Amino acid sequence: MSKRDYYDVLGVEKNADDKAIKAAFRKLAMANHPDRNQGDDAAENRFREANEAYDILKDPQKRAAYDRMGHAAFDQSAGGAGGG
C-alpha cells in the first residue's frame, strides 16, 4: 500500500507556510484523536497519518528532503548513501 502525499493528508498546498501546516494538523488531530473516537480504527489511522505528515512537514530539512524525493527520502529499505 502506497502512502498518501503528506500535503494531501493535511489538506494544504505544497507552498503552505508553517502556520498553515500547523493549523491543518491541529484540526485533523483534534477531530481524529483516539480519545475522542474510541473504537474507530479509521479515525486512529487518520490521526497517525496526520502525525506522520506533520512530523515531516514541520521540520525544514525533512520537508526539503520530502519535496525533493517524496516518501523515498524516509524509506528505510531504499538503501544507504552510495560510496565512491
N, C-alpha and C. Protein backbone atom coordinates (compact mmCIF):
# COMPACT_ATOMS: atom_id res chain seq x y z
N MET A 1 0.84 -1.18 0.00
CA MET A 1 0.00 0.00 0.00
C MET A 1 0.89 1.24 0.00
N SER A 2 0.66 2.13 -0.94
CA SER A 2 1.48 3.33 -1.01
C SER A 2 0.92 4.40 -0.09
N LYS A 3 1.81 5.23 0.40
CA LYS A 3 1.42 6.29 1.32
C LYS A 3 0.85 7.48 0.54
N ARG A 4 -0.07 8.16 1.18
CA ARG A 4 -0.63 9.38 0.59
C ARG A 4 0.37 10.52 0.70
N ASP A 5 0.25 11.46 -0.21
CA ASP A 5 1.07 12.66 -0.17
C ASP A 5 0.82 13.40 1.14
N TYR A 6 1.87 13.79 1.83
CA TYR A 6 1.72 14.43 3.14
C TYR A 6 0.95 15.75 3.06
N TYR A 7 1.12 16.48 1.98
CA TYR A 7 0.36 17.72 1.82
C TYR A 7 -1.14 17.41 1.68
N ASP A 8 -1.45 16.35 0.95
CA ASP A 8 -2.85 15.93 0.81
C ASP A 8 -3.42 15.47 2.15
N VAL A 9 -2.62 14.76 2.92
CA VAL A 9 -3.06 14.28 4.23
C VAL A 9 -3.54 15.46 5.08
N LEU A 10 -2.73 16.52 5.09
CA LEU A 10 -3.07 17.68 5.90
C LEU A 10 -4.02 18.64 5.21
N GLY A 11 -4.23 18.44 3.91
CA GLY A 11 -5.15 19.31 3.17
C GLY A 11 -4.59 20.70 2.93
N VAL A 12 -3.29 20.77 2.70
CA VAL A 12 -2.64 22.06 2.42
C VAL A 12 -1.93 22.01 1.07
N GLU A 13 -1.65 23.18 0.53
CA GLU A 13 -0.90 23.28 -0.72
C GLU A 13 0.59 23.06 -0.43
N LYS A 14 1.33 22.68 -1.46
CA LYS A 14 2.76 22.44 -1.30
C LYS A 14 3.53 23.70 -0.89
N ASN A 15 2.98 24.86 -1.19
CA ASN A 15 3.64 26.10 -0.82
C ASN A 15 3.11 26.69 0.49
N ALA A 16 2.38 25.89 1.26
CA ALA A 16 1.81 26.35 2.53
C ALA A 16 2.92 26.74 3.50
N ASP A 17 2.67 27.78 4.29
CA ASP A 17 3.66 28.18 5.29
C ASP A 17 3.50 27.34 6.56
N ASP A 18 4.44 27.51 7.46
CA ASP A 18 4.44 26.72 8.70
C ASP A 18 3.16 26.89 9.50
N LYS A 19 2.64 28.10 9.51
CA LYS A 19 1.43 28.39 10.27
C LYS A 19 0.23 27.61 9.72
N ALA A 20 0.10 27.56 8.41
CA ALA A 20 -1.00 26.83 7.77
C ALA A 20 -0.86 25.33 8.00
N ILE A 21 0.36 24.82 7.95
CA ILE A 21 0.60 23.39 8.17
C ILE A 21 0.24 23.02 9.61
N LYS A 22 0.66 23.86 10.55
CA LYS A 22 0.36 23.58 11.96
C LYS A 22 -1.14 23.64 12.22
N ALA A 23 -1.82 24.63 11.66
CA ALA A 23 -3.27 24.76 11.86
C ALA A 23 -4.01 23.57 11.28
N ALA A 24 -3.60 23.12 10.10
CA ALA A 24 -4.25 21.97 9.47
C ALA A 24 -4.03 20.71 10.30
N PHE A 25 -2.81 20.55 10.80
CA PHE A 25 -2.52 19.38 11.64
C PHE A 25 -3.36 19.40 12.91
N ARG A 26 -3.40 20.53 13.57
CA ARG A 26 -4.16 20.61 14.83
C ARG A 26 -5.63 20.28 14.61
N LYS A 27 -6.18 20.77 13.52
CA LYS A 27 -7.59 20.50 13.21
C LYS A 27 -7.83 19.00 13.01
N LEU A 28 -6.96 18.38 12.23
CA LEU A 28 -7.08 16.93 11.99
C LEU A 28 -6.85 16.13 13.26
N ALA A 29 -5.84 16.52 14.03
CA ALA A 29 -5.51 15.79 15.25
C ALA A 29 -6.66 15.86 16.25
N MET A 30 -7.26 17.02 16.40
CA MET A 30 -8.38 17.16 17.33
C MET A 30 -9.58 16.32 16.87
N ALA A 31 -9.86 16.36 15.59
CA ALA A 31 -11.03 15.65 15.06
C ALA A 31 -10.86 14.14 15.11
N ASN A 32 -9.64 13.66 14.99
CA ASN A 32 -9.41 12.22 14.87
C ASN A 32 -8.67 11.61 16.06
N HIS A 33 -8.51 12.36 17.12
CA HIS A 33 -7.78 11.87 18.29
C HIS A 33 -8.46 10.62 18.84
N PRO A 34 -7.67 9.59 19.17
CA PRO A 34 -8.25 8.33 19.69
C PRO A 34 -9.12 8.52 20.93
N ASP A 35 -8.80 9.48 21.78
CA ASP A 35 -9.63 9.71 22.97
C ASP A 35 -11.03 10.20 22.61
N ARG A 36 -11.16 10.85 21.47
CA ARG A 36 -12.46 11.35 21.03
C ARG A 36 -13.19 10.35 20.13
N ASN A 37 -12.47 9.34 19.68
CA ASN A 37 -13.03 8.37 18.73
C ASN A 37 -12.70 6.95 19.15
N GLN A 38 -13.01 6.60 20.36
CA GLN A 38 -12.66 5.28 20.87
C GLN A 38 -13.34 4.20 20.04
N GLY A 39 -12.54 3.23 19.61
CA GLY A 39 -13.04 2.12 18.82
C GLY A 39 -13.15 2.40 17.33
N ASP A 40 -12.81 3.61 16.90
CA ASP A 40 -12.89 3.97 15.49
C ASP A 40 -11.50 3.83 14.86
N ASP A 41 -11.26 2.68 14.23
CA ASP A 41 -9.95 2.41 13.64
C ASP A 41 -9.60 3.38 12.52
N ALA A 42 -10.59 3.80 11.75
CA ALA A 42 -10.33 4.73 10.65
C ALA A 42 -9.85 6.08 11.19
N ALA A 43 -10.47 6.55 12.26
CA ALA A 43 -10.04 7.82 12.87
C ALA A 43 -8.63 7.69 13.43
N GLU A 44 -8.33 6.55 14.04
CA GLU A 44 -6.99 6.33 14.58
C GLU A 44 -5.96 6.33 13.46
N ASN A 45 -6.30 5.73 12.33
CA ASN A 45 -5.38 5.73 11.19
C ASN A 45 -5.18 7.13 10.64
N ARG A 46 -6.25 7.92 10.57
CA ARG A 46 -6.12 9.31 10.11
C ARG A 46 -5.26 10.11 11.08
N PHE A 47 -5.42 9.86 12.38
CA PHE A 47 -4.62 10.54 13.39
C PHE A 47 -3.14 10.21 13.21
N ARG A 48 -2.82 8.94 13.04
CA ARG A 48 -1.43 8.52 12.83
C ARG A 48 -0.85 9.14 11.56
N GLU A 49 -1.64 9.11 10.50
CA GLU A 49 -1.20 9.65 9.22
C GLU A 49 -0.92 11.16 9.34
N ALA A 50 -1.80 11.86 10.04
CA ALA A 50 -1.61 13.30 10.24
C ALA A 50 -0.35 13.57 11.06
N ASN A 51 -0.11 12.77 12.09
CA ASN A 51 1.10 12.92 12.91
C ASN A 51 2.35 12.70 12.07
N GLU A 52 2.32 11.67 11.25
CA GLU A 52 3.47 11.36 10.40
C GLU A 52 3.73 12.50 9.42
N ALA A 53 2.68 12.99 8.80
CA ALA A 53 2.82 14.09 7.84
C ALA A 53 3.36 15.34 8.52
N TYR A 54 2.81 15.66 9.68
CA TYR A 54 3.25 16.86 10.39
C TYR A 54 4.69 16.74 10.85
N ASP A 55 5.09 15.57 11.28
CA ASP A 55 6.46 15.35 11.73
C ASP A 55 7.46 15.70 10.63
N ILE A 56 7.12 15.38 9.41
CA ILE A 56 8.00 15.68 8.28
C ILE A 56 7.89 17.14 7.85
N LEU A 57 6.68 17.63 7.70
CA LEU A 57 6.49 18.96 7.13
C LEU A 57 6.81 20.10 8.08
N LYS A 58 6.85 19.84 9.38
CA LYS A 58 7.16 20.92 10.33
C LYS A 58 8.67 21.19 10.40
N ASP A 59 9.47 20.24 9.97
CA ASP A 59 10.92 20.35 10.03
C ASP A 59 11.45 20.81 8.66
N PRO A 60 12.08 21.98 8.59
CA PRO A 60 12.52 22.49 7.28
C PRO A 60 13.43 21.54 6.50
N GLN A 61 14.33 20.84 7.18
CA GLN A 61 15.23 19.92 6.48
C GLN A 61 14.48 18.69 5.98
N LYS A 62 13.61 18.12 6.83
CA LYS A 62 12.84 16.96 6.41
C LYS A 62 11.88 17.34 5.28
N ARG A 63 11.29 18.52 5.39
CA ARG A 63 10.35 18.96 4.36
C ARG A 63 11.07 19.12 3.02
N ALA A 64 12.25 19.71 3.05
CA ALA A 64 13.02 19.88 1.81
C ALA A 64 13.36 18.52 1.19
N ALA A 65 13.75 17.57 2.02
CA ALA A 65 14.05 16.22 1.52
C ALA A 65 12.79 15.58 0.94
N TYR A 66 11.66 15.74 1.62
CA TYR A 66 10.40 15.18 1.14
C TYR A 66 10.00 15.83 -0.18
N ASP A 67 10.17 17.13 -0.28
CA ASP A 67 9.83 17.83 -1.52
C ASP A 67 10.68 17.35 -2.69
N ARG A 68 11.93 17.00 -2.41
CA ARG A 68 12.82 16.52 -3.48
C ARG A 68 12.54 15.08 -3.87
N MET A 69 12.35 14.20 -2.85
CA MET A 69 12.30 12.77 -3.13
C MET A 69 11.02 12.07 -2.69
N GLY A 70 10.11 12.79 -2.09
CA GLY A 70 8.88 12.17 -1.63
C GLY A 70 9.14 11.20 -0.49
N HIS A 71 8.31 10.18 -0.39
CA HIS A 71 8.44 9.20 0.70
C HIS A 71 9.76 8.44 0.65
N ALA A 72 10.37 8.34 -0.53
CA ALA A 72 11.63 7.62 -0.66
C ALA A 72 12.73 8.24 0.21
N ALA A 73 12.61 9.51 0.54
CA ALA A 73 13.61 10.17 1.38
C ALA A 73 13.65 9.57 2.78
N PHE A 74 12.57 8.91 3.19
CA PHE A 74 12.47 8.38 4.55
C PHE A 74 12.22 6.88 4.57
N ASP A 75 12.32 6.24 3.43
CA ASP A 75 12.09 4.80 3.32
C ASP A 75 13.36 4.07 3.73
N GLN A 76 13.30 3.35 4.84
CA GLN A 76 14.47 2.65 5.37
C GLN A 76 15.00 1.58 4.41
N SER A 77 14.13 1.03 3.57
CA SER A 77 14.56 -0.04 2.67
C SER A 77 15.12 0.49 1.35
N ALA A 78 15.19 1.82 1.21
CA ALA A 78 15.66 2.41 -0.05
C ALA A 78 17.17 2.33 -0.19
N GLY A 79 17.87 1.94 0.85
CA GLY A 79 19.32 1.81 0.77
C GLY A 79 20.00 3.01 1.37
N GLY A 80 21.29 2.86 1.60
CA GLY A 80 22.06 3.93 2.23
C GLY A 80 22.73 4.81 1.19
N ALA A 81 23.63 5.63 1.67
CA ALA A 81 24.37 6.53 0.79
C ALA A 81 25.35 5.72 -0.06
N GLY A 82 25.48 6.12 -1.28
CA GLY A 82 26.39 5.42 -2.18
C GLY A 82 27.84 5.77 -1.90
N GLY A 83 28.70 4.83 -2.11
CA GLY A 83 30.13 5.06 -1.92
C GLY A 83 30.79 5.44 -3.23
N GLY A 84 32.00 5.97 -3.15
CA GLY A 84 32.64 6.43 -4.37
C GLY A 84 33.98 5.91 -4.59
